[in-house]
Amino acid sequence: MTLQAGEDGIYSRTDEQWSKVAESSYKASHMCSYSYLPNYVGLLNDKVNASDPNEQPQRVHEESAV
């Protein structure tokens, strides 16, 4: 699943991509968390984008406002 980079440099997914990620059958056949491997959590060096799309600051803010 490809992230889109806006003019402001912030990575995001389309609404269609977010809805697919929410489907358990899609996740099972297309995604792997590699949770058993060491991984980086937090912001990238640009201090704007998160290393995990689900933790993107704007997305977290939108979900907490609901």
Protein backbone atom coordinates (compact mmCIF):
# COMPACT_ATOMS: atom_id res chain seq x y z
CA MET A 1 0.00 0.00 0.00
CA THR A 2 1.56 3.23 -1.16
CA LEU A 3 1.48 6.35 0.96
CA GLN A 4 0.79 9.67 -0.72
CA ALA A 5 3.02 12.65 0.02
CA GLY A 6 1.14 15.94 0.06
CA GLU A 7 2.56 19.29 -1.00
CA ASP A 8 3.36 19.91 2.67
CA GLY A 9 5.47 16.72 2.75
CA ILE A 10 3.12 14.87 5.07
CA TYR A 11 2.49 11.23 4.19
CA SER A 12 -1.08 10.00 4.19
CA ARG A 13 -3.39 7.28 2.89
CA THR A 14 -6.55 7.84 0.89
CA ASP A 15 -9.93 7.15 2.51
CA GLU A 16 -10.16 4.01 0.36
CA GLN A 17 -6.80 2.80 1.66
CA TRP A 18 -7.85 3.40 5.27
CA SER A 19 -11.09 1.45 4.76
CA LYS A 20 -9.19 -1.47 3.21
CA VAL A 21 -6.76 -1.55 6.13
CA ALA A 22 -9.75 -1.83 8.46
CA GLU A 23 -10.98 -5.01 6.70
CA SER A 24 -9.61 -8.10 8.45
CA SER A 25 -9.59 -10.15 5.22
CA TYR A 26 -7.52 -7.47 3.46
CA LYS A 27 -5.09 -7.27 6.38
CA ALA A 28 -4.69 -11.05 6.44
CA SER A 29 -3.86 -11.27 2.74
CA HIS A 30 -1.90 -8.03 2.17
CA MET A 31 -0.20 -6.88 5.35
CA CYS A 32 2.41 -8.20 7.74
CA SER A 33 3.44 -6.29 10.83
CA TYR A 34 6.76 -8.07 11.31
CA SER A 35 6.11 -7.48 15.00
CA TYR A 36 8.67 -10.15 15.88
CA LEU A 37 11.49 -8.01 14.45
CA PRO A 38 13.01 -4.92 16.07
CA ASN A 39 11.32 -1.82 14.72
CA TYR A 40 11.44 1.92 15.02
CA VAL A 41 8.54 3.78 16.61
CA GLY A 42 8.16 7.54 16.49
CA LEU A 43 8.75 10.36 14.06
CA LEU A 44 11.14 10.20 11.14
CA ASN A 45 14.06 12.63 10.89
CA ASP A 46 11.79 15.21 9.24
CA LYS A 47 9.91 15.47 12.58
CA VAL A 48 6.62 15.53 10.63
CA ASN A 49 5.95 11.94 9.53
CA ALA A 50 5.57 8.88 11.74
CA SER A 51 7.41 5.64 11.01
CA ASP A 52 4.05 3.83 11.15
CA PRO A 53 1.15 5.22 9.05
CA ASN A 54 -1.28 4.35 11.85
CA GLU A 55 0.62 6.68 14.16
CA GLN A 56 0.74 9.64 11.76
CA PRO A 57 0.15 12.69 14.04
CA GLN A 58 -2.72 14.10 11.96
CA ARG A 59 -4.46 10.72 11.82
CA VAL A 60 -4.16 10.20 15.58
CA HIS A 61 -5.55 13.71 16.15
CA GLU A 62 -8.51 13.07 13.81
CA GLU A 63 -9.39 9.78 15.53
CA SER A 64 -9.18 11.28 19.02
CA ALA A 65 -11.60 14.05 18.02
CA VAL A 66 -14.33 11.51 17.14
